[in-house]
Amino acid sequence: MDSQDASWKAVADAKRAAILTAIPEEWQLAHLPSPQEVPDVTGDFIQQYLTPQKIKITEADAVKITKNTSSGQWTAVEVTEAFCHRAALAHQMVG
């Protein structure tokens, strides 16, 4: 490996580490499965890390989200946290 390859890999590793530190500890995955272990990380796999409420929110369409936040059934913070949590999980799996 030449110095240019080493430099590129060091930058990529540093960026991955910086992103991981920005994810709340309780959302960090202790074990990242290989693509051979889990070829599809959507659906049931990712849902094991989410509460039923977060699953309901993140699988709702825009109309339902608007209706439920407008009626006070869901708060904007609750919706934002649900989507951020799911995105943080997905990011770790593909990062």
PDB file of N, CA and C in Angstrom:
ATOM      1  N   MET A   1       0.858  -1.165   0.000  1.00  0.00           N
ATOM      2  CA  MET A   1       0.000   0.000   0.000  1.00  0.00           C
ATOM      3  C   MET A   1       0.908   1.233   0.000  1.00  0.00           C
ATOM      4  N   ASP A   2       0.660   2.139  -0.938  1.00  0.00           N
ATOM      5  CA  ASP A   2       1.485   3.351  -0.979  1.00  0.00           C
ATOM      6  C   ASP A   2       0.923   4.410  -0.035  1.00  0.00           C
ATOM      7  N   SER A   3       1.665   5.499   0.117  1.00  0.00           N
ATOM      8  CA  SER A   3       1.271   6.529   1.094  1.00  0.00           C
ATOM      9  C   SER A   3      -0.044   7.199   0.736  1.00  0.00           C
ATOM     10  N   GLN A   4      -0.344   7.295  -0.566  1.00  0.00           N
ATOM     11  CA  GLN A   4      -1.609   7.912  -0.968  1.00  0.00           C
ATOM     12  C   GLN A   4      -2.789   7.038  -0.531  1.00  0.00           C
ATOM     13  N   ASP A   5      -2.667   5.717  -0.694  1.00  0.00           N
ATOM     14  CA  ASP A   5      -3.721   4.805  -0.238  1.00  0.00           C
ATOM     15  C   ASP A   5      -3.879   4.875   1.276  1.00  0.00           C
ATOM     16  N   ALA A   6      -2.755   4.898   1.974  1.00  0.00           N
ATOM     17  CA  ALA A   6      -2.793   4.967   3.436  1.00  0.00           C
ATOM     18  C   ALA A   6      -3.450   6.265   3.894  1.00  0.00           C
ATOM     19  N   SER A   7      -3.139   7.357   3.225  1.00  0.00           N
ATOM     20  CA  SER A   7      -3.711   8.655   3.578  1.00  0.00           C
ATOM     21  C   SER A   7      -5.226   8.653   3.368  1.00  0.00           C
ATOM     22  N   TRP A   8      -5.668   8.132   2.243  1.00  0.00           N
ATOM     23  CA  TRP A   8      -7.093   8.075   1.927  1.00  0.00           C
ATOM     24  C   TRP A   8      -7.825   7.226   2.968  1.00  0.00           C
ATOM     25  N   LYS A   9      -7.249   6.087   3.303  1.00  0.00           N
ATOM     26  CA  LYS A   9      -7.884   5.198   4.277  1.00  0.00           C
ATOM     27  C   LYS A   9      -7.915   5.831   5.665  1.00  0.00           C
ATOM     28  N   ALA A  10      -6.883   6.552   6.027  1.00  0.00           N
ATOM     29  CA  ALA A  10      -6.850   7.223   7.331  1.00  0.00           C
ATOM     30  C   ALA A  10      -7.929   8.294   7.411  1.00  0.00           C
ATOM     31  N   VAL A  11      -8.110   9.042   6.331  1.00  0.00           N
ATOM     32  CA  VAL A  11      -9.150  10.075   6.293  1.00  0.00           C
ATOM     33  C   VAL A  11     -10.531   9.427   6.408  1.00  0.00           C
ATOM     34  N   ALA A  12     -10.747   8.335   5.678  1.00  0.00           N
ATOM     35  CA  ALA A  12     -12.038   7.640   5.726  1.00  0.00           C
ATOM     36  C   ALA A  12     -12.299   7.080   7.122  1.00  0.00           C
ATOM     37  N   ASP A  13     -11.291   6.474   7.728  1.00  0.00           N
ATOM     38  CA  ASP A  13     -11.445   5.935   9.087  1.00  0.00           C
ATOM     39  C   ASP A  13     -11.758   7.041  10.090  1.00  0.00           C
ATOM     40  N   ALA A  14     -11.085   8.170   9.956  1.00  0.00           N
ATOM     41  CA  ALA A  14     -11.322   9.299  10.864  1.00  0.00           C
ATOM     42  C   ALA A  14     -12.742   9.830  10.708  1.00  0.00           C
ATOM     43  N   LYS A  15     -13.219   9.900   9.473  1.00  0.00           N
ATOM     44  CA  LYS A  15     -14.579  10.394   9.231  1.00  0.00           C
ATOM     45  C   LYS A  15     -15.610   9.435   9.819  1.00  0.00           C
ATOM     46  N   ARG A  16     -15.420   8.127   9.625  1.00  0.00           N
ATOM     47  CA  ARG A  16     -16.339   7.144  10.206  1.00  0.00           C
ATOM     48  C   ARG A  16     -16.358   7.254  11.731  1.00  0.00           C
ATOM     49  N   ALA A  17     -15.202   7.427  12.326  1.00  0.00           N
ATOM     50  CA  ALA A  17     -15.117   7.562  13.787  1.00  0.00           C
ATOM     51  C   ALA A  17     -15.824   8.828  14.260  1.00  0.00           C
ATOM     52  N   ALA A  18     -15.662   9.926  13.523  1.00  0.00           N
ATOM     53  CA  ALA A  18     -16.312  11.186  13.891  1.00  0.00           C
ATOM     54  C   ALA A  18     -17.830  11.060  13.809  1.00  0.00           C
ATOM     55  N   ILE A  19     -18.304  10.387  12.791  1.00  0.00           N
ATOM     56  CA  ILE A  19     -19.749  10.193  12.637  1.00  0.00           C
ATOM     57  C   ILE A  19     -20.280   9.331  13.779  1.00  0.00           C
ATOM     58  N   LEU A  20     -19.566   8.274  14.109  1.00  0.00           N
ATOM     59  CA  LEU A  20     -20.012   7.388  15.183  1.00  0.00           C
ATOM     60  C   LEU A  20     -20.087   8.122  16.520  1.00  0.00           C
ATOM     61  N   THR A  21     -19.148   9.004  16.775  1.00  0.00           N
ATOM     62  CA  THR A  21     -19.183   9.741  18.043  1.00  0.00           C
ATOM     63  C   THR A  21     -20.347  10.727  18.095  1.00  0.00           C
ATOM     64  N   ALA A  22     -20.894  11.097  16.943  1.00  0.00           N
ATOM     65  CA  ALA A  22     -22.042  12.003  16.907  1.00  0.00           C
ATOM     66  C   ALA A  22     -23.362  11.269  17.163  1.00  0.00           C
ATOM     67  N   ILE A  23     -23.332   9.944  17.096  1.00  0.00           N
ATOM     68  CA  ILE A  23     -24.536   9.140  17.325  1.00  0.00           C
ATOM     69  C   ILE A  23     -24.651   8.860  18.820  1.00  0.00           C
ATOM     70  N   PRO A  24     -25.819   9.122  19.412  1.00  0.00           N
ATOM     71  CA  PRO A  24     -25.977   8.839  20.844  1.00  0.00           C
ATOM     72  C   PRO A  24     -25.585   7.392  21.167  1.00  0.00           C
ATOM     73  N   GLU A  25     -24.941   7.219  22.288  1.00  0.00           N
ATOM     74  CA  GLU A  25     -24.433   5.899  22.674  1.00  0.00           C
ATOM     75  C   GLU A  25     -25.526   4.832  22.680  1.00  0.00           C
ATOM     76  N   GLU A  26     -26.715   5.200  23.133  1.00  0.00           N
ATOM     77  CA  GLU A  26     -27.797   4.210  23.201  1.00  0.00           C
ATOM     78  C   GLU A  26     -28.302   3.793  21.817  1.00  0.00           C
ATOM     79  N   TRP A  27     -27.929   4.520  20.786  1.00  0.00           N
ATOM     80  CA  TRP A  27     -28.301   4.164  19.416  1.00  0.00           C
ATOM     81  C   TRP A  27     -27.179   3.433  18.682  1.00  0.00           C
ATOM     82  N   GLN A  28     -26.021   3.332  19.285  1.00  0.00           N
ATOM     83  CA  GLN A  28     -24.891   2.679  18.621  1.00  0.00           C
ATOM     84  C   GLN A  28     -25.050   1.163  18.685  1.00  0.00           C
ATOM     85  N   LEU A  29     -24.720   0.528  17.575  1.00  0.00           N
ATOM     86  CA  LEU A  29     -24.819  -0.922  17.490  1.00  0.00           C
ATOM     87  C   LEU A  29     -23.533  -1.565  17.993  1.00  0.00           C
ATOM     88  N   ALA A  30     -23.670  -2.526  18.898  1.00  0.00           N
ATOM     89  CA  ALA A  30     -22.502  -3.215  19.446  1.00  0.00           C
ATOM     90  C   ALA A  30     -21.896  -4.158  18.409  1.00  0.00           C
ATOM     91  N   HIS A  31     -22.737  -4.758  17.596  1.00  0.00           N
ATOM     92  CA  HIS A  31     -22.275  -5.712  16.585  1.00  0.00           C
ATOM     93  C   HIS A  31     -22.879  -5.337  15.244  1.00  0.00           C
ATOM     94  N   LEU A  32     -22.028  -5.153  14.267  1.00  0.00           N
ATOM     95  CA  LEU A  32     -22.505  -4.890  12.911  1.00  0.00           C
ATOM     96  C   LEU A  32     -22.408  -6.179  12.119  1.00  0.00           C
ATOM     97  N   PRO A  33     -23.533  -6.706  11.661  1.00  0.00           N
ATOM     98  CA  PRO A  33     -23.489  -7.957  10.914  1.00  0.00           C
ATOM     99  C   PRO A  33     -22.857  -7.755   9.538  1.00  0.00           C
ATOM    100  N   SER A  34     -22.267  -8.814   9.035  1.00  0.00           N
ATOM    101  CA  SER A  34     -21.716  -8.753   7.681  1.00  0.00           C
ATOM    102  C   SER A  34     -22.867  -8.904   6.692  1.00  0.00           C
ATOM    103  N   PRO A  35     -22.663  -8.491   5.446  1.00  0.00           N
ATOM    104  CA  PRO A  35     -23.715  -8.680   4.435  1.00  0.00           C
ATOM    105  C   PRO A  35     -24.073 -10.156   4.243  1.00  0.00           C
ATOM    106  N   GLN A  36     -23.126 -11.043   4.519  1.00  0.00           N
ATOM    107  CA  GLN A  36     -23.413 -12.474   4.405  1.00  0.00           C
ATOM    108  C   GLN A  36     -24.343 -12.930   5.539  1.00  0.00           C
ATOM    109  N   GLU A  37     -24.157 -12.362   6.729  1.00  0.00           N
ATOM    110  CA  GLU A  37     -25.011 -12.712   7.866  1.00  0.00           C
ATOM    111  C   GLU A  37     -26.434 -12.193   7.673  1.00  0.00           C
ATOM    112  N   VAL A  38     -26.529 -10.947   7.244  1.00  0.00           N
ATOM    113  CA  VAL A  38     -27.831 -10.293   7.083  1.00  0.00           C
ATOM    114  C   VAL A  38     -27.818  -9.514   5.770  1.00  0.00           C
ATOM    115  N   PRO A  39     -28.252 -10.151   4.681  1.00  0.00           N
ATOM    116  CA  PRO A  39     -28.218  -9.461   3.388  1.00  0.00           C
ATOM    117  C   PRO A  39     -29.231  -8.315   3.268  1.00  0.00           C
ATOM    118  N   ASP A  40     -30.296  -8.356   4.072  1.00  0.00           N
ATOM    119  CA  ASP A  40     -31.318  -7.304   4.034  1.00  0.00           C
ATOM    120  C   ASP A  40     -31.481  -6.744   5.446  1.00  0.00           C
ATOM    121  N   VAL A  41     -30.974  -5.533   5.663  1.00  0.00           N
ATOM    122  CA  VAL A  41     -31.030  -4.931   7.001  1.00  0.00           C
ATOM    123  C   VAL A  41     -32.267  -4.056   7.201  1.00  0.00           C
ATOM    124  N   THR A  42     -33.172  -4.083   6.254  1.00  0.00           N
ATOM    125  CA  THR A  42     -34.415  -3.327   6.403  1.00  0.00           C
ATOM    126  C   THR A  42     -35.444  -4.197   7.118  1.00  0.00           C
ATOM    127  N   GLY A  43     -36.609  -3.667   7.321  1.00  0.00           N
ATOM    128  CA  GLY A  43     -37.708  -4.446   7.882  1.00  0.00           C
ATOM    129  C   GLY A  43     -37.426  -5.003   9.261  1.00  0.00           C
ATOM    130  N   ASP A  44     -37.611  -6.314   9.403  1.00  0.00           N
ATOM    131  CA  ASP A  44     -37.495  -6.965  10.711  1.00  0.00           C
ATOM    132  C   ASP A  44     -36.152  -6.727  11.378  1.00  0.00           C
ATOM    133  N   PHE A  45     -35.080  -6.722  10.610  1.00  0.00           N
ATOM    134  CA  PHE A  45     -33.765  -6.581  11.224  1.00  0.00           C
ATOM    135  C   PHE A  45     -33.621  -5.235  11.924  1.00  0.00           C
ATOM    136  N   ILE A  46     -33.890  -4.147  11.222  1.00  0.00           N
ATOM    137  CA  ILE A  46     -33.710  -2.819  11.826  1.00  0.00           C
ATOM    138  C   ILE A  46     -34.751  -2.564  12.913  1.00  0.00           C
ATOM    139  N   GLN A  47     -35.919  -3.179  12.764  1.00  0.00           N
ATOM    140  CA  GLN A  47     -36.985  -2.963  13.744  1.00  0.00           C
ATOM    141  C   GLN A  47     -36.636  -3.484  15.130  1.00  0.00           C
ATOM    142  N   GLN A  48     -35.739  -4.459  15.223  1.00  0.00           N
ATOM    143  CA  GLN A  48     -35.380  -4.991  16.545  1.00  0.00           C
ATOM    144  C   GLN A  48     -34.709  -3.944  17.435  1.00  0.00           C
ATOM    145  N   TYR A  49     -34.209  -2.876  16.824  1.00  0.00           N
ATOM    146  CA  TYR A  49     -33.530  -1.820  17.572  1.00  0.00           C
ATOM    147  C   TYR A  49     -34.442  -0.626  17.867  1.00  0.00           C
ATOM    148  N   LEU A  50     -35.686  -0.680  17.392  1.00  0.00           N
ATOM    149  CA  LEU A  50     -36.625   0.435  17.552  1.00  0.00           C
ATOM    150  C   LEU A  50     -37.802   0.028  18.424  1.00  0.00           C
ATOM    151  N   THR A  51     -38.367   0.995  19.109  1.00  0.00           N
ATOM    152  CA  THR A  51     -39.582   0.733  19.882  1.00  0.00           C
ATOM    153  C   THR A  51     -40.758   0.604  18.911  1.00  0.00           C
ATOM    154  N   PRO A  52     -41.842  -0.042  19.338  1.00  0.00           N
ATOM    155  CA  PRO A  52     -43.022  -0.119  18.470  1.00  0.00           C
ATOM    156  C   PRO A  52     -43.504   1.267  18.024  1.00  0.00           C
ATOM    157  N   GLN A  53     -43.416   2.249  18.917  1.00  0.00           N
ATOM    158  CA  GLN A  53     -43.849   3.609  18.567  1.00  0.00           C
ATOM    159  C   GLN A  53     -42.961   4.198  17.470  1.00  0.00           C
ATOM    160  N   LYS A  54     -41.655   4.013  17.574  1.00  0.00           N
ATOM    161  CA  LYS A  54     -40.746   4.540  16.551  1.00  0.00           C
ATOM    162  C   LYS A  54     -40.965   3.846  15.211  1.00  0.00           C
ATOM    163  N   ILE A  55     -41.273   2.567  15.244  1.00  0.00           N
ATOM    164  CA  ILE A  55     -41.576   1.846  14.003  1.00  0.00           C
ATOM    165  C   ILE A  55     -42.832   2.433  13.371  1.00  0.00           C
ATOM    166  N   LYS A  56     -43.867   2.629  14.188  1.00  0.00           N
ATOM    167  CA  LYS A  56     -45.128   3.179  13.692  1.00  0.00           C
ATOM    168  C   LYS A  56     -44.901   4.550  13.045  1.00  0.00           C
ATOM    169  N   ILE A  57     -44.125   5.380  13.703  1.00  0.00           N
ATOM    170  CA  ILE A  57     -43.865   6.729  13.189  1.00  0.00           C
ATOM    171  C   ILE A  57     -43.067   6.676  11.895  1.00  0.00           C
ATOM    172  N   THR A  58     -41.980   5.922  11.884  1.00  0.00           N
ATOM    173  CA  THR A  58     -41.094   5.932  10.712  1.00  0.00           C
ATOM    174  C   THR A  58     -41.668   5.189   9.515  1.00  0.00           C
ATOM    175  N   GLU A  59     -42.691   4.397   9.736  1.00  0.00           N
ATOM    176  CA  GLU A  59     -43.327   3.718   8.611  1.00  0.00           C
ATOM    177  C   GLU A  59     -44.611   4.414   8.161  1.00  0.00           C
ATOM    178  N   ALA A  60     -44.962   5.493   8.824  1.00  0.00           N
ATOM    179  CA  ALA A  60     -46.156   6.256   8.446  1.00  0.00           C
ATOM    180  C   ALA A  60     -45.857   7.128   7.227  1.00  0.00           C
ATOM    181  N   ASP A  61     -46.899   7.388   6.446  1.00  0.00           N
ATOM    182  CA  ASP A  61     -46.713   8.306   5.315  1.00  0.00           C
ATOM    183  C   ASP A  61     -46.843   9.753   5.807  1.00  0.00           C
ATOM    184  N   ALA A  62     -46.531  10.683   4.930  1.00  0.00           N
ATOM    185  CA  ALA A  62     -46.512  12.104   5.303  1.00  0.00           C
ATOM    186  C   ALA A  62     -47.877  12.593   5.786  1.00  0.00           C
ATOM    187  N   VAL A  63     -48.942  12.101   5.180  1.00  0.00           N
ATOM    188  CA  VAL A  63     -50.287  12.522   5.578  1.00  0.00           C
ATOM    189  C   VAL A  63     -50.567  12.097   7.026  1.00  0.00           C
ATOM    190  N   LYS A  64     -50.229  10.860   7.358  1.00  0.00           N
ATOM    191  CA  LYS A  64     -50.476  10.367   8.720  1.00  0.00           C
ATOM    192  C   LYS A  64     -49.596  11.101   9.733  1.00  0.00           C
ATOM    193  N   ILE A  65     -48.351  11.371   9.364  1.00  0.00           N
ATOM    194  CA  ILE A  65     -47.466  12.106  10.274  1.00  0.00           C
ATOM    195  C   ILE A  65     -48.030  13.499  10.538  1.00  0.00           C
ATOM    196  N   THR A  66     -48.474  14.167   9.490  1.00  0.00           N
ATOM    197  CA  THR A  66     -49.051  15.504   9.637  1.00  0.00           C
ATOM    198  C   THR A  66     -50.302  15.461  10.509  1.00  0.00           C
ATOM    199  N   LYS A  67     -51.168  14.496  10.241  1.00  0.00           N
ATOM    200  CA  LYS A  67     -52.408  14.357  11.017  1.00  0.00           C
ATOM    201  C   LYS A  67     -52.099  14.108  12.494  1.00  0.00           C
ATOM    202  N   ASN A  68     -51.182  13.189  12.759  1.00  0.00           N
ATOM    203  CA  ASN A  68     -50.892  12.831  14.151  1.00  0.00           C
ATOM    204  C   ASN A  68     -50.125  13.910  14.902  1.00  0.00           C
ATOM    205  N   THR A  69     -49.314  14.686  14.214  1.00  0.00           N
ATOM    206  CA  THR A  69     -48.637  15.790  14.908  1.00  0.00           C
ATOM    207  C   THR A  69     -49.598  16.962  15.094  1.00  0.00           C
ATOM    208  N   SER A  70     -50.443  17.191  14.114  1.00  0.00           N
ATOM    209  CA  SER A  70     -51.417  18.287  14.232  1.00  0.00           C
ATOM    210  C   SER A  70     -52.412  18.038  15.359  1.00  0.00           C
ATOM    211  N   SER A  71     -52.783  16.782  15.549  1.00  0.00           N
ATOM    212  CA  SER A  71     -53.762  16.447  16.594  1.00  0.00           C
ATOM    213  C   SER A  71     -53.119  16.318  17.976  1.00  0.00           C
ATOM    214  N   GLY A  72     -51.805  16.331  18.024  1.00  0.00           N
ATOM    215  CA  GLY A  72     -51.113  16.195  19.302  1.00  0.00           C
ATOM    216  C   GLY A  72     -50.848  14.757  19.714  1.00  0.00           C
ATOM    217  N   GLN A  73     -51.239  13.806  18.851  1.00  0.00           N
ATOM    218  CA  GLN A  73     -50.985  12.396  19.167  1.00  0.00           C
ATOM    219  C   GLN A  73     -49.474  12.125  19.190  1.00  0.00           C
ATOM    220  N   TRP A  74     -48.745  12.728  18.264  1.00  0.00           N
ATOM    221  CA  TRP A  74     -47.288  12.640  18.232  1.00  0.00           C
ATOM    222  C   TRP A  74     -46.735  14.055  18.337  1.00  0.00           C
ATOM    223  N   THR A  75     -45.627  14.213  19.028  1.00  0.00           N
ATOM    224  CA  THR A  75     -44.979  15.525  19.070  1.00  0.00           C
ATOM    225  C   THR A  75     -43.945  15.605  17.949  1.00  0.00           C
ATOM    226  N   ALA A  76     -43.595  16.820  17.592  1.00  0.00           N
ATOM    227  CA  ALA A  76     -42.564  17.014  16.570  1.00  0.00           C
ATOM    228  C   ALA A  76     -41.236  16.422  17.037  1.00  0.00           C
ATOM    229  N   VAL A  77     -40.948  16.548  18.317  1.00  0.00           N
ATOM    230  CA  VAL A  77     -39.708  15.987  18.872  1.00  0.00           C
ATOM    231  C   VAL A  77     -39.723  14.464  18.754  1.00  0.00           C
ATOM    232  N   GLU A  78     -40.853  13.856  19.081  1.00  0.00           N
ATOM    233  CA  GLU A  78     -40.984  12.400  19.005  1.00  0.00           C
ATOM    234  C   GLU A  78     -40.771  11.902  17.571  1.00  0.00           C
ATOM    235  N   VAL A  79     -41.355  12.595  16.608  1.00  0.00           N
ATOM    236  CA  VAL A  79     -41.208  12.218  15.201  1.00  0.00           C
ATOM    237  C   VAL A  79     -39.761  12.398  14.751  1.00  0.00           C
ATOM    238  N   THR A  80     -39.168  13.516  15.116  1.00  0.00           N
ATOM    239  CA  THR A  80     -37.781  13.785  14.737  1.00  0.00           C
ATOM    240  C   THR A  80     -36.841  12.745  15.330  1.00  0.00           C
ATOM    241  N   GLU A  81     -37.016  12.439  16.605  1.00  0.00           N
ATOM    242  CA  GLU A  81     -36.157  11.438  17.248  1.00  0.00           C
ATOM    243  C   GLU A  81     -36.320  10.061  16.614  1.00  0.00           C
ATOM    244  N   ALA A  82     -37.534   9.699  16.251  1.00  0.00           N
ATOM    245  CA  ALA A  82     -37.764   8.394  15.627  1.00  0.00           C
ATOM    246  C   ALA A  82     -37.004   8.289  14.305  1.00  0.00           C
ATOM    247  N   PHE A  83     -37.113   9.329  13.479  1.00  0.00           N
ATOM    248  CA  PHE A  83     -36.416   9.296  12.190  1.00  0.00           C
ATOM    249  C   PHE A  83     -34.899   9.387  12.356  1.00  0.00           C
ATOM    250  N   CYS A  84     -34.445  10.178  13.308  1.00  0.00           N
ATOM    251  CA  CYS A  84     -32.997  10.270  13.560  1.00  0.00           C
ATOM    252  C   CYS A  84     -32.446   8.939  14.056  1.00  0.00           C
ATOM    253  N   HIS A  85     -33.187   8.271  14.921  1.00  0.00           N
ATOM    254  CA  HIS A  85     -32.747   6.976  15.438  1.00  0.00           C
ATOM    255  C   HIS A  85     -32.637   5.964  14.298  1.00  0.00           C
ATOM    256  N   ARG A  86     -33.671   5.888  13.482  1.00  0.00           N
ATOM    257  CA  ARG A  86     -33.650   4.928  12.368  1.00  0.00           C
ATOM    258  C   ARG A  86     -32.530   5.258  11.388  1.00  0.00           C
ATOM    259  N   ALA A  87     -32.324   6.532  11.110  1.00  0.00           N
ATOM    260  CA  ALA A  87     -31.250   6.939  10.196  1.00  0.00           C
ATOM    261  C   ALA A  87     -29.878   6.618  10.777  1.00  0.00           C
ATOM    262  N   ALA A  88     -29.717   6.819  12.080  1.00  0.00           N
ATOM    263  CA  ALA A  88     -28.431   6.507  12.723  1.00  0.00           C
ATOM    264  C   ALA A  88     -28.131   5.016  12.641  1.00  0.00           C
ATOM    265  N   LEU A  89     -29.139   4.192  12.823  1.00  0.00           N
ATOM    266  CA  LEU A  89     -28.951   2.747  12.696  1.00  0.00           C
ATOM    267  C   LEU A  89     -28.552   2.381  11.270  1.00  0.00           C
ATOM    268  N   ALA A  90     -29.289   2.907  10.310  1.00  0.00           N
ATOM    269  CA  ALA A  90     -28.992   2.606   8.907  1.00  0.00           C
ATOM    270  C   ALA A  90     -27.600   3.088   8.521  1.00  0.00           C
ATOM    271  N   HIS A  91     -27.235   4.254   8.997  1.00  0.00           N
ATOM    272  CA  HIS A  91     -25.922   4.811   8.663  1.00  0.00           C
ATOM    273  C   HIS A  91     -24.800   3.909   9.173  1.00  0.00           C
ATOM    274  N   GLN A  92     -24.958   3.375  10.357  1.00  0.00           N
ATOM    275  CA  GLN A  92     -23.938   2.479  10.900  1.00  0.00           C
ATOM    276  C   GLN A  92     -23.824   1.201  10.076  1.00  0.00           C
ATOM    277  N   MET A  93     -24.931   0.746   9.539  1.00  0.00           N
ATOM    278  CA  MET A  93     -24.930  -0.504   8.779  1.00  0.00           C
ATOM    279  C   MET A  93     -24.309  -0.358   7.400  1.00  0.00           C
ATOM    280  N   VAL A  94     -24.397   0.834   6.835  1.00  0.00           N
ATOM    281  CA  VAL A  94     -23.848   1.028   5.485  1.00  0.00           C
ATOM    282  C   VAL A  94     -22.563   1.836   5.477  1.00  0.00           C
ATOM    283  N   GLY A  95     -22.188   2.405   6.648  1.00  0.00           N
ATOM    284  CA  GLY A  95     -21.052   3.307   6.753  1.00  0.00           C
ATOM    285  C   GLY A  95     -19.751   2.669   6.424  1.00  0.00           C
TER     286      GLY A  95
END
